[in-house]
Amino acid sequence: MTQQPEPGRRRPAPFPAGRTPYGWIQAFLAVAAGLVALVVTAALGLWAAGAADLPDGSFPGVVAAVAVLGAGGTVELTGSAGPLAVGGGVLDVVPLSVTLAGALALAHGFLRPLRLHAVVGARELAAWAARLALLWAVVLIGLAAAARHDFDLTPGGTIADIGDIFGITASAGFAADVPLSLLYGLLWLAALLVVALLASYGAAVPARLVRPLGPVRPVAHAMVLLLLGYVALGLVAGLVTAATRGHPAETFAVILLGLPNLAWLALTLGLGAVWDGTAEGPFGLPVPRALDTVLRAPGGTTLDLRGLASEESAAWWLLVAAAVGAVAAAIVAARRSPAGTRAWQHGLRMGAGLVLTVLTVCLLCRIDARYGLSLLGLGDVDGGLAGHVELAPRWWTALLAAALWGVVTGLLAGASTLRGRRASDGAP
């Protein structure tokens, strides 16, 4: 069975004889591109945020830690003040600009040889993915091993007084969990390869999967376009902000570290999702002023479109953007779906696709970052060394809103597409 190319698409040229597009050299180049994208994006973002001035030559370790987080790994926070005070923390946040840069580079390297043929064998595809996974595992281990550093602190208050008496120096640091980073990083890679294969029309799949994936790929393609479109809009907004409102370094730090975090959060808020958030202590995340103000409300806050608009009236445009984005994605999916697909099928598929997309966004955009020092296990004794930033979705509101938007826009786009096809075929 030979898969025919889509109209308007040139058939891929055959690969030169005696060479394979799925070899170790191609796998190495793909993984190297992903690593460079991760590290360079993390380094530039941290440099813009001022992290290059951190003491003790810690900048490379911090870059490695952010790259590990971007690739799905975990980083633990530690601290101590000798035998009397101990500290620690949780850092559960994904720098999605770093993630997206690495994902796009890796996905391009993965898909490039698959565009050279109409169909690929299942064993050949599995072997190609296995080569990438093996090399990526080496990268993850190296990054996790480099992602560690300890800082000497000079705190005030109780711990400083105790330190003066007993000659104790307080310290804080971070270290990547190598086994968990390897496990989660490989799961991240597997998910990336599956999504890339589903969303790319030019990528070959095994012959037995061509028909089953026919209804899936249009929706997957539309969802990826929706997410990338939001990132593009966020990038334009960020560049305008940097040019007109001052503080360009801070703005570029947000762009290079957390642009998708904000853009995709905006997507869920525009669709009607509700989040619970709080920000306490001396540290936080680089976010727009209106969002920071809402999160720093005493005792935490409920983050929704209405509450955000009370601080910044322009937030109502998030509703317009979500409506336009959902309709555009539904139209793209409907027009690329197999002929004969009914409107209710478009609605169900679009609903399922948007629910899975919002579920993924909620998982990736969650934040739980906290740190503190305690004296003899009695809790925080130095407010200047403690803080907490948290952002968590209300799952049912987010998923229900996505389902409603997806079904309605899918039905409308499906019905419109069917009428257009009937009109072009001359049917009554």
Protein backbone atom coordinates (compact mmCIF):
# COMPACT_ATOMS: atom_id res chain seq x y z
CA MET A 1 0.00 0.00 0.00
CA THR A 2 1.42 3.33 -1.04
CA GLN A 3 0.18 6.51 0.56
CA GLN A 4 -0.49 9.22 -2.02
CA PRO A 5 0.86 12.70 -1.30
CA GLU A 6 -1.63 15.45 -0.52
CA PRO A 7 -2.59 17.76 -3.39
CA GLY A 8 -0.10 20.56 -3.75
CA ARG A 9 2.60 18.71 -1.79
CA ARG A 10 5.69 17.60 -3.71
CA ARG A 11 6.61 13.96 -3.26
CA PRO A 12 9.81 13.62 -1.15
CA ALA A 13 12.95 12.90 -3.09
CA PRO A 14 14.43 9.45 -2.44
CA PHE A 15 17.29 9.31 0.03
CA PRO A 16 20.73 8.70 -1.54
CA ALA A 17 21.58 5.06 -2.02
CA GLY A 18 23.80 3.50 0.62
CA ARG A 19 22.73 5.98 3.33
CA THR A 20 19.95 5.71 5.88
CA PRO A 21 17.99 8.68 7.21
CA TYR A 22 17.52 6.87 10.52
CA GLY A 23 21.15 6.32 11.53
CA TRP A 24 23.15 7.27 14.61
CA ILE A 25 24.58 10.40 12.97
CA GLN A 26 21.10 11.77 12.29
CA ALA A 27 20.02 10.86 15.83
CA PHE A 28 23.07 12.60 17.29
CA LEU A 29 22.37 15.76 15.27
CA ALA A 30 18.73 15.80 16.36
CA VAL A 31 19.60 15.35 20.04
CA ALA A 32 22.42 17.89 19.84
CA ALA A 33 20.01 20.44 18.36
CA GLY A 34 17.56 19.80 21.20
CA LEU A 35 20.30 20.18 23.82
CA VAL A 36 21.60 23.42 22.30
CA ALA A 37 18.08 24.84 22.14
CA LEU A 38 17.46 24.00 25.80
CA VAL A 39 20.75 25.35 27.12
CA VAL A 40 20.94 28.49 24.98
CA THR A 41 17.35 29.52 25.75
CA ALA A 42 17.88 28.89 29.47
CA ALA A 43 21.19 30.78 29.50
CA LEU A 44 19.81 33.80 27.64
CA GLY A 45 16.73 33.95 29.84
CA LEU A 46 18.73 33.70 33.05
CA TRP A 47 21.22 36.27 31.79
CA ALA A 48 18.38 38.68 31.06
CA ALA A 49 17.05 38.02 34.57
CA GLY A 50 20.44 38.94 36.07
CA ALA A 51 21.46 35.43 37.11
CA ALA A 52 24.89 35.86 35.49
CA ASP A 53 25.84 37.92 38.55
CA LEU A 54 25.24 35.06 40.99
CA PRO A 55 28.30 34.38 43.18
CA ASP A 56 30.72 31.45 43.29
CA GLY A 57 30.56 30.69 39.58
CA SER A 58 27.10 29.21 39.97
CA PHE A 59 25.68 30.38 36.64
CA PRO A 60 26.45 27.16 34.70
CA GLY A 61 24.81 25.08 37.42
CA VAL A 62 21.73 27.29 37.38
CA VAL A 63 21.52 27.04 33.59
CA ALA A 64 21.77 23.26 33.81
CA ALA A 65 19.01 23.21 36.47
CA VAL A 66 16.65 25.27 34.31
CA ALA A 67 17.43 23.04 31.31
CA VAL A 68 16.63 19.96 33.44
CA LEU A 69 13.31 21.49 34.48
CA GLY A 70 12.59 22.36 30.86
CA ALA A 71 13.20 18.75 29.82
CA GLY A 72 10.79 17.40 32.42
CA GLY A 73 13.28 16.72 35.22
CA THR A 74 13.13 17.63 38.90
CA VAL A 75 15.28 19.93 41.03
CA GLU A 76 15.31 19.89 44.83
CA LEU A 77 16.07 22.89 47.04
CA THR A 78 18.22 22.41 50.13
CA GLY A 79 19.48 24.57 52.97
CA SER A 80 21.08 24.37 56.38
CA ALA A 81 22.59 26.36 59.22
CA GLY A 82 24.65 23.65 60.84
CA PRO A 83 23.06 21.19 63.29
CA LEU A 84 20.54 23.72 64.65
CA ALA A 85 18.65 24.79 61.54
CA VAL A 86 17.69 22.95 58.41
CA GLY A 87 15.90 24.01 55.29
CA GLY A 88 14.49 22.76 52.09
CA GLY A 89 11.84 23.44 49.56
CA VAL A 90 9.82 22.41 46.55
CA LEU A 91 10.40 23.67 43.03
CA ASP A 92 7.63 22.39 40.81
CA VAL A 93 7.56 24.75 37.86
CA VAL A 94 8.33 24.23 34.19
CA PRO A 95 10.10 27.02 32.25
CA LEU A 96 8.02 26.41 29.16
CA SER A 97 10.00 28.72 26.86
CA VAL A 98 12.96 26.43 27.44
CA THR A 99 10.75 23.37 27.02
CA LEU A 100 9.25 24.66 23.77
CA ALA A 101 12.63 25.53 22.26
CA GLY A 102 14.02 22.08 23.00
CA ALA A 103 10.81 20.38 21.87
CA LEU A 104 10.71 22.17 18.51
CA ALA A 105 14.36 21.37 17.80
CA LEU A 106 13.98 17.71 18.77
CA ALA A 107 10.69 17.31 16.92
CA HIS A 108 12.22 18.76 13.75
CA GLY A 109 15.12 16.31 13.96
CA PHE A 110 12.73 13.42 14.62
CA LEU A 111 10.35 14.25 11.77
CA ARG A 112 12.88 15.22 9.11
CA PRO A 113 13.79 11.69 7.98
CA LEU A 114 10.16 10.58 8.26
CA ARG A 115 9.23 13.08 5.55
CA LEU A 116 11.45 11.26 3.05
CA HIS A 117 8.98 8.40 2.57
CA ALA A 118 5.22 7.99 2.35
CA VAL A 119 5.15 5.00 4.72
CA VAL A 120 7.63 3.75 7.30
CA GLY A 121 7.90 0.29 8.81
CA ALA A 122 6.94 -0.18 12.45
CA ARG A 123 10.34 -1.69 13.35
CA GLU A 124 12.16 1.06 11.50
CA LEU A 125 10.19 3.74 13.35
CA ALA A 126 10.77 2.05 16.71
CA ALA A 127 14.50 1.76 16.05
CA TRP A 128 14.68 5.44 15.10
CA ALA A 129 12.88 6.48 18.28
CA ALA A 130 15.10 4.16 20.37
CA ARG A 131 18.27 5.80 19.04
CA LEU A 132 16.94 9.21 20.00
CA ALA A 133 15.89 7.97 23.44
CA LEU A 134 19.29 6.44 24.18
CA LEU A 135 21.18 9.59 23.25
CA TRP A 136 18.66 11.77 25.08
CA ALA A 137 19.16 9.67 28.21
CA VAL A 138 22.87 10.51 28.09
CA VAL A 139 22.01 14.20 27.77
CA LEU A 140 19.61 14.04 30.72
CA ILE A 141 22.17 12.35 32.96
CA GLY A 142 24.82 14.93 32.07
CA LEU A 143 22.50 17.89 32.64
CA ALA A 144 21.21 16.50 35.94
CA ALA A 145 24.74 15.84 37.18
CA ALA A 146 25.72 19.44 36.39
CA ALA A 147 22.58 20.95 37.93
CA ARG A 148 23.74 21.45 41.51
CA HIS A 149 25.26 24.23 43.60
CA ASP A 150 25.38 25.51 47.18
CA PHE A 151 25.36 29.16 48.19
CA ASP A 152 26.58 30.67 51.46
CA LEU A 153 23.94 32.95 52.97
CA THR A 154 24.16 35.90 55.31
CA PRO A 155 20.67 36.01 56.82
CA GLY A 156 19.39 38.36 59.47
CA GLY A 157 17.36 37.65 62.57
CA THR A 158 17.47 34.53 64.72
CA ILE A 159 19.69 32.37 62.53
CA ALA A 160 22.27 35.15 62.20
CA ASP A 161 22.41 35.54 66.00
CA ILE A 162 22.88 31.81 66.48
CA GLY A 163 25.50 31.77 63.75
CA ASP A 164 27.49 34.51 65.50
CA ILE A 165 27.47 32.55 68.77
CA PHE A 166 28.34 29.12 67.40
CA GLY A 167 30.24 30.06 64.24
CA ILE A 168 27.60 28.53 61.98
CA THR A 169 27.18 29.60 58.36
CA ALA A 170 23.80 29.23 56.70
CA SER A 171 23.69 27.84 53.18
CA ALA A 172 21.14 27.13 50.51
CA GLY A 173 21.38 25.26 47.28
CA PHE A 174 19.78 23.07 44.69
CA ALA A 175 20.43 19.71 43.11
CA ALA A 176 18.71 17.76 40.36
CA ASP A 177 17.35 14.32 41.18
CA VAL A 178 19.23 12.28 38.57
CA PRO A 179 17.07 9.09 38.53
CA LEU A 180 13.76 10.98 38.50
CA SER A 181 15.05 13.47 35.94
CA LEU A 182 16.06 10.58 33.70
CA LEU A 183 12.67 8.88 34.09
CA TYR A 184 10.57 12.00 33.60
CA GLY A 185 12.82 13.25 30.82
CA LEU A 186 12.35 10.05 28.83
CA LEU A 187 8.58 10.19 29.38
CA TRP A 188 8.70 13.80 28.17
CA LEU A 189 10.56 12.67 25.05
CA ALA A 190 8.08 9.86 24.38
CA ALA A 191 5.13 12.25 24.64
CA LEU A 192 6.89 14.73 22.36
CA LEU A 193 7.54 12.14 19.65
CA VAL A 194 3.94 10.91 19.74
CA VAL A 195 2.51 14.43 19.49
CA ALA A 196 4.94 15.35 16.71
CA LEU A 197 3.98 12.25 14.74
CA LEU A 198 0.27 12.94 15.14
CA ALA A 199 0.44 16.65 14.35
CA SER A 200 2.66 16.45 11.26
CA TYR A 201 0.98 15.53 7.99
CA GLY A 202 4.26 15.12 6.15
CA ALA A 203 5.59 12.47 8.54
CA ALA A 204 5.28 8.86 7.50
CA VAL A 205 3.61 6.33 9.81
CA PRO A 206 3.32 2.53 9.54
CA ALA A 207 0.83 1.49 6.85
CA ARG A 208 -1.53 -0.16 9.33
CA LEU A 209 -1.89 3.15 11.21
CA VAL A 210 -2.68 5.36 8.21
CA ARG A 211 -6.45 4.78 8.35
CA PRO A 212 -6.91 4.77 12.18
CA LEU A 213 -4.96 8.01 12.51
CA GLY A 214 -6.92 9.72 9.72
CA PRO A 215 -9.51 11.30 12.09
CA VAL A 216 -6.92 12.03 14.83
CA ARG A 217 -4.23 13.92 12.97
CA PRO A 218 -6.36 16.90 11.86
CA VAL A 219 -7.37 17.68 15.45
CA ALA A 220 -3.84 17.15 16.77
CA HIS A 221 -2.50 19.45 14.07
CA ALA A 222 -5.09 22.11 14.92
CA MET A 223 -4.32 21.94 18.66
CA VAL A 224 -0.59 22.38 18.09
CA LEU A 225 -1.31 25.36 15.82
CA LEU A 226 -3.56 26.84 18.52
CA LEU A 227 -0.83 26.59 21.17
CA LEU A 228 1.89 27.93 18.88
CA GLY A 229 -0.40 30.73 17.76
CA TYR A 230 -0.88 31.82 21.37
CA VAL A 231 2.88 31.80 21.88
CA ALA A 232 3.33 33.94 18.77
CA LEU A 233 0.75 36.44 20.03
CA GLY A 234 2.45 36.49 23.42
CA LEU A 235 5.80 37.11 21.75
CA VAL A 236 4.42 40.10 19.85
CA ALA A 237 2.88 41.47 23.05
CA GLY A 238 6.15 40.96 24.91
CA LEU A 239 8.21 42.75 22.27
CA VAL A 240 5.77 45.66 22.25
CA THR A 241 5.96 45.81 26.05
CA ALA A 242 9.75 45.78 25.98
CA ALA A 243 9.80 48.61 23.46
CA THR A 244 7.17 50.86 25.06
CA ARG A 245 7.09 50.28 28.83
CA GLY A 246 10.74 50.08 29.79
CA HIS A 247 12.55 47.33 31.73
CA PRO A 248 13.42 45.40 28.53
CA ALA A 249 15.73 42.97 30.35
CA GLU A 250 12.94 41.81 32.66
CA THR A 251 10.56 41.45 29.73
CA PHE A 252 13.06 39.39 27.74
CA ALA A 253 13.61 37.20 30.80
CA VAL A 254 9.88 36.45 30.83
CA ILE A 255 9.89 35.77 27.08
CA LEU A 256 12.88 33.43 27.23
CA LEU A 257 11.83 31.55 30.36
CA GLY A 258 8.07 31.63 30.79
CA LEU A 259 6.28 32.98 27.72
CA PRO A 260 4.19 29.83 27.07
CA ASN A 261 3.38 29.65 30.80
CA LEU A 262 1.64 33.01 30.51
CA ALA A 263 0.26 32.55 26.99
CA TRP A 264 -1.32 29.17 27.69
CA LEU A 265 -2.59 30.33 31.08
CA ALA A 266 -4.27 33.16 29.17
CA LEU A 267 -5.85 30.58 26.84
CA THR A 268 -7.43 28.68 29.73
CA LEU A 269 -8.64 31.89 31.40
CA GLY A 270 -10.18 33.05 28.13
CA LEU A 271 -12.02 29.74 27.81
CA GLY A 272 -13.43 30.18 31.32
CA ALA A 273 -11.08 28.16 33.53
CA VAL A 274 -10.52 29.09 37.18
CA TRP A 275 -7.19 28.84 39.01
CA ASP A 276 -6.27 29.14 42.68
CA GLY A 277 -3.06 31.02 43.39
CA THR A 278 -0.95 32.70 46.00
CA ALA A 279 2.40 34.47 46.17
CA GLU A 280 4.12 35.17 49.49
CA GLY A 281 7.61 36.02 50.59
CA PRO A 282 10.56 37.77 48.95
CA PHE A 283 10.68 35.72 45.79
CA GLY A 284 8.23 35.21 43.01
CA LEU A 285 7.97 34.52 39.31
CA PRO A 286 8.35 37.08 36.52
CA VAL A 287 4.74 37.81 35.57
CA PRO A 288 2.81 40.90 34.44
CA ARG A 289 2.04 43.39 37.20
CA ALA A 290 -1.74 42.77 37.15
CA LEU A 291 -1.25 39.03 37.63
CA ASP A 292 1.30 39.58 40.39
CA THR A 293 -1.10 41.92 42.19
CA VAL A 294 -3.92 39.38 42.06
CA LEU A 295 -1.71 36.52 43.28
CA ARG A 296 -0.36 38.53 46.22
CA ALA A 297 -3.79 39.10 47.75
CA PRO A 298 -3.70 38.09 51.46
CA GLY A 299 -4.61 34.46 52.01
CA GLY A 300 -4.48 33.54 48.34
CA THR A 301 -6.92 34.31 45.58
CA THR A 302 -9.17 32.87 42.92
CA LEU A 303 -7.78 33.69 39.50
CA ASP A 304 -10.34 34.01 36.75
CA LEU A 305 -11.06 36.36 33.89
CA ARG A 306 -13.32 38.62 35.95
CA GLY A 307 -10.81 39.01 38.77
CA LEU A 308 -7.94 39.70 36.38
CA ALA A 309 -10.05 42.26 34.50
CA SER A 310 -10.73 44.09 37.74
CA GLU A 311 -7.01 44.91 37.85
CA GLU A 312 -6.53 45.38 34.11
CA SER A 313 -9.61 45.95 31.92
CA ALA A 314 -7.71 44.82 28.81
CA ALA A 315 -7.90 41.26 30.21
CA TRP A 316 -11.36 40.95 28.61
CA TRP A 317 -9.56 40.62 25.29
CA LEU A 318 -8.52 37.15 26.48
CA LEU A 319 -12.11 36.05 25.90
CA VAL A 320 -12.03 37.36 22.34
CA ALA A 321 -8.67 35.71 21.67
CA ALA A 322 -9.91 32.36 23.02
CA ALA A 323 -13.06 32.50 20.88
CA VAL A 324 -11.13 33.35 17.72
CA GLY A 325 -8.49 30.71 18.45
CA ALA A 326 -11.00 27.95 19.16
CA VAL A 327 -13.02 28.72 16.02
CA ALA A 328 -9.90 28.89 13.85
CA ALA A 329 -8.63 25.57 15.23
CA ALA A 330 -12.01 23.93 14.62
CA ILE A 331 -12.05 25.16 11.01
CA VAL A 332 -8.52 23.86 10.38
CA ALA A 333 -9.43 20.45 11.85
CA ALA A 334 -12.69 20.21 9.90
CA ARG A 335 -11.14 21.11 6.55
CA ARG A 336 -8.37 18.54 6.98
CA SER A 337 -10.66 15.76 8.19
CA PRO A 338 -11.54 12.86 5.86
CA ALA A 339 -14.42 13.47 3.47
CA GLY A 340 -17.71 12.17 4.79
CA THR A 341 -17.04 13.15 8.39
CA ARG A 342 -20.29 14.40 9.93
CA ALA A 343 -20.72 17.57 11.93
CA TRP A 344 -21.36 15.76 15.21
CA GLN A 345 -18.15 13.79 14.70
CA HIS A 346 -16.24 17.04 14.24
CA GLY A 347 -17.82 18.32 17.43
CA LEU A 348 -16.88 15.28 19.51
CA ARG A 349 -13.33 15.14 18.16
CA MET A 350 -12.77 18.85 18.64
CA GLY A 351 -14.18 18.61 22.16
CA ALA A 352 -11.88 15.71 23.03
CA GLY A 353 -8.88 17.46 21.46
CA LEU A 354 -9.45 20.72 23.33
CA VAL A 355 -10.01 18.88 26.61
CA LEU A 356 -6.70 17.02 26.22
CA THR A 357 -4.97 20.27 25.25
CA VAL A 358 -6.28 22.17 28.28
CA LEU A 359 -5.46 19.20 30.53
CA THR A 360 -1.88 19.29 29.27
CA VAL A 361 -1.67 23.06 29.74
CA CYS A 362 -2.98 22.78 33.30
CA LEU A 363 -0.41 20.11 34.12
CA LEU A 364 2.44 22.13 32.62
CA CYS A 365 1.46 25.55 33.97
CA ARG A 366 0.96 24.50 37.58
CA ILE A 367 3.38 26.16 40.00
CA ASP A 368 4.43 25.06 43.47
CA ALA A 369 7.58 26.81 44.66
CA ARG A 370 8.37 27.14 48.35
CA TYR A 371 11.48 27.51 50.47
CA GLY A 372 12.24 28.08 54.14
CA LEU A 373 14.63 27.50 57.04
CA SER A 374 13.45 26.09 60.38
CA LEU A 375 15.10 26.08 63.81
CA LEU A 376 15.15 22.63 65.44
CA GLY A 377 12.16 21.69 63.32
CA LEU A 378 9.93 24.39 64.86
CA GLY A 379 9.05 26.15 61.64
CA ASP A 380 10.27 29.23 59.86
CA VAL A 381 12.34 31.51 62.04
CA ASP A 382 13.52 33.95 59.42
CA GLY A 383 10.82 35.42 57.22
CA GLY A 384 13.40 36.77 54.79
CA LEU A 385 14.39 33.23 53.87
CA ALA A 386 10.91 31.81 53.31
CA GLY A 387 8.43 32.16 50.52
CA HIS A 388 5.69 30.41 48.64
CA VAL A 389 4.32 30.73 45.11
CA GLU A 390 1.47 28.45 44.05
CA LEU A 391 -0.85 28.28 41.06
CA ALA A 392 -3.22 25.35 40.62
CA PRO A 393 -6.21 24.86 38.29
CA ARG A 394 -9.70 23.93 39.30
CA TRP A 395 -9.73 20.90 37.07
CA TRP A 396 -13.42 20.45 36.45
CA THR A 397 -14.05 24.05 35.48
CA ALA A 398 -11.12 24.03 33.06
CA LEU A 399 -12.00 20.71 31.42
CA LEU A 400 -15.74 21.40 31.27
CA ALA A 401 -15.13 24.79 29.66
CA ALA A 402 -12.78 23.19 27.12
CA ALA A 403 -15.33 20.49 26.30
CA LEU A 404 -18.10 23.03 25.72
CA TRP A 405 -15.94 25.28 23.54
CA GLY A 406 -14.62 22.31 21.59
CA VAL A 407 -17.99 20.68 20.90
CA VAL A 408 -19.71 23.94 19.90
CA THR A 409 -16.93 25.20 17.62
CA GLY A 410 -16.46 21.71 16.16
CA LEU A 411 -20.17 21.41 15.32
CA LEU A 412 -20.22 24.84 13.68
CA ALA A 413 -17.01 24.25 11.71
CA GLY A 414 -18.09 20.76 10.71
CA ALA A 415 -21.48 21.91 9.46
CA SER A 416 -19.92 24.80 7.54
CA THR A 417 -17.33 22.52 5.95
CA LEU A 418 -19.95 19.98 4.91
CA ARG A 419 -22.06 22.70 3.27
CA GLY A 420 -19.00 23.99 1.44
CA ARG A 421 -18.10 20.53 0.14
CA ARG A 422 -21.65 19.86 -1.00
CA ALA A 423 -21.77 23.19 -2.77
CA SER A 424 -18.48 22.52 -4.55
CA ASP A 425 -19.72 19.05 -5.58
CA GLY A 426 -23.02 20.47 -6.85
CA ALA A 427 -25.07 18.49 -4.37
CA PRO A 428 -28.49 19.89 -3.30
